[in-house]
Amino acid sequence: EEVSRLCAAGQPTIPTTIGQEKAVNPFLRADVPAVAAAVGLPNAPPAQVFAEIRGRKDRF
């Protein structure tokens, strides 16, 4: 319903907001300790965590 309403109004139908993405997208959460721990890199710098997440996506 929401998408149909937005389309009819000529509005974009992007499914999330940047705030929602920051809350759930692991690529935007590489600095969160729980995310680092989940990929086996507790206490690693965010860039290393991001690279690990990206590598896993590439191999998925």
PDB file of N, CA and C in Angstrom:
ATOM      1  N   GLU A   1       0.812  -1.190   0.000  1.00  0.00           N
ATOM      2  CA  GLU A   1       0.000   0.000   0.000  1.00  0.00           C
ATOM      3  C   GLU A   1       0.861   1.263   0.000  1.00  0.00           C
ATOM      4  N   GLU A   2       1.860   1.260   0.866  1.00  0.00           N
ATOM      5  CA  GLU A   2       2.723   2.442   0.987  1.00  0.00           C
ATOM      6  C   GLU A   2       3.442   2.732  -0.324  1.00  0.00           C
ATOM      7  N   VAL A   3       3.968   1.695  -0.972  1.00  0.00           N
ATOM      8  CA  VAL A   3       4.681   1.885  -2.234  1.00  0.00           C
ATOM      9  C   VAL A   3       3.729   2.401  -3.299  1.00  0.00           C
ATOM     10  N   SER A   4       2.548   1.838  -3.375  1.00  0.00           N
ATOM     11  CA  SER A   4       1.561   2.299  -4.355  1.00  0.00           C
ATOM     12  C   SER A   4       1.219   3.765  -4.141  1.00  0.00           C
ATOM     13  N   ARG A   5       1.052   4.156  -2.888  1.00  0.00           N
ATOM     14  CA  ARG A   5       0.726   5.549  -2.575  1.00  0.00           C
ATOM     15  C   ARG A   5       1.867   6.469  -2.994  1.00  0.00           C
ATOM     16  N   LEU A   6       3.098   6.063  -2.687  1.00  0.00           N
ATOM     17  CA  LEU A   6       4.249   6.892  -3.053  1.00  0.00           C
ATOM     18  C   LEU A   6       4.393   7.008  -4.564  1.00  0.00           C
ATOM     19  N   CYS A   7       4.215   5.893  -5.278  1.00  0.00           N
ATOM     20  CA  CYS A   7       4.295   5.925  -6.742  1.00  0.00           C
ATOM     21  C   CYS A   7       3.238   6.853  -7.325  1.00  0.00           C
ATOM     22  N   ALA A   8       2.034   6.757  -6.825  1.00  0.00           N
ATOM     23  CA  ALA A   8       0.945   7.602  -7.314  1.00  0.00           C
ATOM     24  C   ALA A   8       1.235   9.073  -7.077  1.00  0.00           C
ATOM     25  N   ALA A   9       1.969   9.366  -6.012  1.00  0.00           N
ATOM     26  CA  ALA A   9       2.307  10.752  -5.686  1.00  0.00           C
ATOM     27  C   ALA A   9       3.601  11.203  -6.355  1.00  0.00           C
ATOM     28  N   GLY A  10       4.221  10.305  -7.146  1.00  0.00           N
ATOM     29  CA  GLY A  10       5.464  10.665  -7.818  1.00  0.00           C
ATOM     30  C   GLY A  10       6.659  10.735  -6.879  1.00  0.00           C
ATOM     31  N   GLN A  11       6.570  10.057  -5.741  1.00  0.00           N
ATOM     32  CA  GLN A  11       7.635  10.073  -4.739  1.00  0.00           C
ATOM     33  C   GLN A  11       8.523   8.835  -4.884  1.00  0.00           C
ATOM     34  N   PRO A  12       9.766   8.917  -4.425  1.00  0.00           N
ATOM     35  CA  PRO A  12      10.639   7.741  -4.475  1.00  0.00           C
ATOM     36  C   PRO A  12      10.142   6.655  -3.518  1.00  0.00           C
ATOM     37  N   THR A  13      10.459   5.433  -3.851  1.00  0.00           N
ATOM     38  CA  THR A  13      10.019   4.296  -3.031  1.00  0.00           C
ATOM     39  C   THR A  13      11.200   3.589  -2.377  1.00  0.00           C
ATOM     40  N   ILE A  14      12.178   4.360  -1.989  1.00  0.00           N
ATOM     41  CA  ILE A  14      13.342   3.797  -1.325  1.00  0.00           C
ATOM     42  C   ILE A  14      12.848   3.090  -0.067  1.00  0.00           C
ATOM     43  N   PRO A  15      13.285   1.849   0.135  1.00  0.00           N
ATOM     44  CA  PRO A  15      12.697   1.076   1.223  1.00  0.00           C
ATOM     45  C   PRO A  15      13.118   1.482   2.635  1.00  0.00           C
ATOM     46  N   THR A  16      14.211   2.213   2.790  1.00  0.00           N
ATOM     47  CA  THR A  16      14.647   2.573   4.135  1.00  0.00           C
ATOM     48  C   THR A  16      15.176   3.997   4.156  1.00  0.00           C
ATOM     49  N   THR A  17      15.392   4.475   5.355  1.00  0.00           N
ATOM     50  CA  THR A  17      16.040   5.774   5.530  1.00  0.00           C
ATOM     51  C   THR A  17      17.507   5.534   5.860  1.00  0.00           C
ATOM     52  N   ILE A  18      18.320   6.563   5.791  1.00  0.00           N
ATOM     53  CA  ILE A  18      19.726   6.414   6.147  1.00  0.00           C
ATOM     54  C   ILE A  18      19.851   6.031   7.620  1.00  0.00           C
ATOM     55  N   GLY A  19      18.957   6.523   8.444  1.00  0.00           N
ATOM     56  CA  GLY A  19      18.972   6.146   9.858  1.00  0.00           C
ATOM     57  C   GLY A  19      18.719   4.664  10.056  1.00  0.00           C
ATOM     58  N   GLN A  20      17.761   4.128   9.309  1.00  0.00           N
ATOM     59  CA  GLN A  20      17.491   2.694   9.396  1.00  0.00           C
ATOM     60  C   GLN A  20      18.683   1.892   8.885  1.00  0.00           C
ATOM     61  N   GLU A  21      19.289   2.346   7.801  1.00  0.00           N
ATOM     62  CA  GLU A  21      20.458   1.648   7.258  1.00  0.00           C
ATOM     63  C   GLU A  21      21.610   1.645   8.256  1.00  0.00           C
ATOM     64  N   LYS A  22      21.846   2.782   8.901  1.00  0.00           N
ATOM     65  CA  LYS A  22      22.920   2.845   9.897  1.00  0.00           C
ATOM     66  C   LYS A  22      22.660   1.899  11.060  1.00  0.00           C
ATOM     67  N   ALA A  23      21.401   1.635  11.338  1.00  0.00           N
ATOM     68  CA  ALA A  23      21.056   0.749  12.447  1.00  0.00           C
ATOM     69  C   ALA A  23      21.215  -0.726  12.102  1.00  0.00           C
ATOM     70  N   VAL A  24      21.091  -1.089  10.820  1.00  0.00           N
ATOM     71  CA  VAL A  24      21.068  -2.511  10.468  1.00  0.00           C
ATOM     72  C   VAL A  24      22.121  -2.958   9.464  1.00  0.00           C
ATOM     73  N   ASN A  25      22.678  -2.049   8.697  1.00  0.00           N
ATOM     74  CA  ASN A  25      23.622  -2.420   7.642  1.00  0.00           C
ATOM     75  C   ASN A  25      25.007  -2.660   8.242  1.00  0.00           C
ATOM     76  N   PRO A  26      25.525  -3.890   8.175  1.00  0.00           N
ATOM     77  CA  PRO A  26      26.824  -4.159   8.799  1.00  0.00           C
ATOM     78  C   PRO A  26      27.963  -3.341   8.198  1.00  0.00           C
ATOM     79  N   PHE A  27      27.858  -2.943   6.951  1.00  0.00           N
ATOM     80  CA  PHE A  27      28.906  -2.121   6.340  1.00  0.00           C
ATOM     81  C   PHE A  27      28.981  -0.740   6.989  1.00  0.00           C
ATOM     82  N   LEU A  28      27.883  -0.284   7.538  1.00  0.00           N
ATOM     83  CA  LEU A  28      27.845   1.012   8.213  1.00  0.00           C
ATOM     84  C   LEU A  28      28.029   0.881   9.719  1.00  0.00           C
ATOM     85  N   ARG A  29      28.311  -0.337  10.186  1.00  0.00           N
ATOM     86  CA  ARG A  29      28.442  -0.593  11.619  1.00  0.00           C
ATOM     87  C   ARG A  29      29.782  -1.238  11.961  1.00  0.00           C
ATOM     88  N   ALA A  30      30.779  -1.072  11.113  1.00  0.00           N
ATOM     89  CA  ALA A  30      32.079  -1.706  11.338  1.00  0.00           C
ATOM     90  C   ALA A  30      32.747  -1.225  12.619  1.00  0.00           C
ATOM     91  N   ASP A  31      32.302  -0.115  13.157  1.00  0.00           N
ATOM     92  CA  ASP A  31      32.879   0.408  14.401  1.00  0.00           C
ATOM     93  C   ASP A  31      32.157  -0.090  15.655  1.00  0.00           C
ATOM     94  N   VAL A  32      31.149  -0.933  15.482  1.00  0.00           N
ATOM     95  CA  VAL A  32      30.377  -1.458  16.609  1.00  0.00           C
ATOM     96  C   VAL A  32      31.053  -2.736  17.122  1.00  0.00           C
ATOM     97  N   PRO A  33      31.415  -2.778  18.400  1.00  0.00           N
ATOM     98  CA  PRO A  33      32.124  -3.947  18.932  1.00  0.00           C
ATOM     99  C   PRO A  33      31.416  -5.281  18.683  1.00  0.00           C
ATOM    100  N   ALA A  34      30.106  -5.320  18.763  1.00  0.00           N
ATOM    101  CA  ALA A  34      29.377  -6.574  18.534  1.00  0.00           C
ATOM    102  C   ALA A  34      29.528  -7.060  17.095  1.00  0.00           C
ATOM    103  N   VAL A  35      29.604  -6.139  16.147  1.00  0.00           N
ATOM    104  CA  VAL A  35      29.792  -6.519  14.745  1.00  0.00           C
ATOM    105  C   VAL A  35      31.199  -7.075  14.555  1.00  0.00           C
ATOM    106  N   ALA A  36      32.194  -6.401  15.128  1.00  0.00           N
ATOM    107  CA  ALA A  36      33.575  -6.884  15.037  1.00  0.00           C
ATOM    108  C   ALA A  36      33.686  -8.280  15.641  1.00  0.00           C
ATOM    109  N   ALA A  37      33.066  -8.486  16.777  1.00  0.00           N
ATOM    110  CA  ALA A  37      33.112  -9.799  17.420  1.00  0.00           C
ATOM    111  C   ALA A  37      32.407 -10.856  16.574  1.00  0.00           C
ATOM    112  N   ALA A  38      31.324 -10.475  15.925  1.00  0.00           N
ATOM    113  CA  ALA A  38      30.558 -11.422  15.114  1.00  0.00           C
ATOM    114  C   ALA A  38      31.355 -11.953  13.928  1.00  0.00           C
ATOM    115  N   VAL A  39      32.307 -11.165  13.442  1.00  0.00           N
ATOM    116  CA  VAL A  39      33.143 -11.627  12.326  1.00  0.00           C
ATOM    117  C   VAL A  39      34.499 -12.126  12.815  1.00  0.00           C
ATOM    118  N   GLY A  40      34.614 -12.318  14.110  1.00  0.00           N
ATOM    119  CA  GLY A  40      35.835 -12.882  14.670  1.00  0.00           C
ATOM    120  C   GLY A  40      36.986 -11.919  14.808  1.00  0.00           C
ATOM    121  N   LEU A  41      36.691 -10.621  14.850  1.00  0.00           N
ATOM    122  CA  LEU A  41      37.743  -9.614  14.947  1.00  0.00           C
ATOM    123  C   LEU A  41      37.500  -8.651  16.111  1.00  0.00           C
ATOM    124  N   PRO A  42      37.343  -9.176  17.318  1.00  0.00           N
ATOM    125  CA  PRO A  42      37.132  -8.255  18.433  1.00  0.00           C
ATOM    126  C   PRO A  42      38.337  -7.342  18.609  1.00  0.00           C
ATOM    127  N   ASN A  43      38.083  -6.106  18.891  1.00  0.00           N
ATOM    128  CA  ASN A  43      39.123  -5.091  19.114  1.00  0.00           C
ATOM    129  C   ASN A  43      39.892  -4.696  17.856  1.00  0.00           C
ATOM    130  N   ALA A  44      39.451  -5.133  16.684  1.00  0.00           N
ATOM    131  CA  ALA A  44      40.110  -4.746  15.435  1.00  0.00           C
ATOM    132  C   ALA A  44      39.646  -3.350  15.027  1.00  0.00           C
ATOM    133  N   PRO A  45      40.483  -2.632  14.268  1.00  0.00           N
ATOM    134  CA  PRO A  45      40.050  -1.317  13.785  1.00  0.00           C
ATOM    135  C   PRO A  45      38.878  -1.459  12.804  1.00  0.00           C
ATOM    136  N   PRO A  46      38.010  -0.446  12.745  1.00  0.00           N
ATOM    137  CA  PRO A  46      36.846  -0.515  11.857  1.00  0.00           C
ATOM    138  C   PRO A  46      37.190  -0.834  10.404  1.00  0.00           C
ATOM    139  N   ALA A  47      38.301  -0.326   9.899  1.00  0.00           N
ATOM    140  CA  ALA A  47      38.664  -0.604   8.504  1.00  0.00           C
ATOM    141  C   ALA A  47      38.899  -2.095   8.284  1.00  0.00           C
ATOM    142  N   GLN A  48      39.496  -2.750   9.251  1.00  0.00           N
ATOM    143  CA  GLN A  48      39.742  -4.188   9.135  1.00  0.00           C
ATOM    144  C   GLN A  48      38.426  -4.967   9.215  1.00  0.00           C
ATOM    145  N   VAL A  49      37.540  -4.535  10.090  1.00  0.00           N
ATOM    146  CA  VAL A  49      36.228  -5.173  10.207  1.00  0.00           C
ATOM    147  C   VAL A  49      35.460  -4.998   8.903  1.00  0.00           C
ATOM    148  N   PHE A  50      35.473  -3.796   8.356  1.00  0.00           N
ATOM    149  CA  PHE A  50      34.793  -3.530   7.087  1.00  0.00           C
ATOM    150  C   PHE A  50      35.345  -4.433   5.993  1.00  0.00           C
ATOM    151  N   ALA A  51      36.673  -4.549   5.912  1.00  0.00           N
ATOM    152  CA  ALA A  51      37.302  -5.386   4.884  1.00  0.00           C
ATOM    153  C   ALA A  51      36.876  -6.846   5.037  1.00  0.00           C
ATOM    154  N   GLU A  52      36.771  -7.310   6.260  1.00  0.00           N
ATOM    155  CA  GLU A  52      36.330  -8.691   6.498  1.00  0.00           C
ATOM    156  C   GLU A  52      34.888  -8.886   6.045  1.00  0.00           C
ATOM    157  N   ILE A  53      34.027  -7.941   6.385  1.00  0.00           N
ATOM    158  CA  ILE A  53      32.624  -8.030   5.962  1.00  0.00           C
ATOM    159  C   ILE A  53      32.550  -8.026   4.438  1.00  0.00           C
ATOM    160  N   ARG A  54      33.298  -7.140   3.815  1.00  0.00           N
ATOM    161  CA  ARG A  54      33.291  -7.046   2.347  1.00  0.00           C
ATOM    162  C   ARG A  54      33.797  -8.341   1.721  1.00  0.00           C
ATOM    163  N   GLY A  55      34.862  -8.892   2.273  1.00  0.00           N
ATOM    164  CA  GLY A  55      35.388 -10.153   1.761  1.00  0.00           C
ATOM    165  C   GLY A  55      34.375 -11.275   1.859  1.00  0.00           C
ATOM    166  N   ARG A  56      33.657 -11.320   2.954  1.00  0.00           N
ATOM    167  CA  ARG A  56      32.624 -12.349   3.110  1.00  0.00           C
ATOM    168  C   ARG A  56      31.513 -12.163   2.091  1.00  0.00           C
ATOM    169  N   LYS A  57      31.154 -10.923   1.816  1.00  0.00           N
ATOM    170  CA  LYS A  57      30.119 -10.666   0.804  1.00  0.00           C
ATOM    171  C   LYS A  57      30.615 -11.101  -0.569  1.00  0.00           C
ATOM    172  N   ASP A  58      31.881 -10.832  -0.863  1.00  0.00           N
ATOM    173  CA  ASP A  58      32.445 -11.224  -2.155  1.00  0.00           C
ATOM    174  C   ASP A  58      32.438 -12.740  -2.344  1.00  0.00           C
ATOM    175  N   ARG A  59      32.600 -13.475  -1.254  1.00  0.00           N
ATOM    176  CA  ARG A  59      32.645 -14.938  -1.334  1.00  0.00           C
ATOM    177  C   ARG A  59      31.278 -15.594  -1.158  1.00  0.00           C
ATOM    178  N   PHE A  60      30.261 -14.817  -0.874  1.00  0.00           N
ATOM    179  CA  PHE A  60      28.928 -15.354  -0.606  1.00  0.00           C
ATOM    180  C   PHE A  60      28.318 -15.974  -1.839  1.00  0.00           C
TER     181      PHE A  60
END
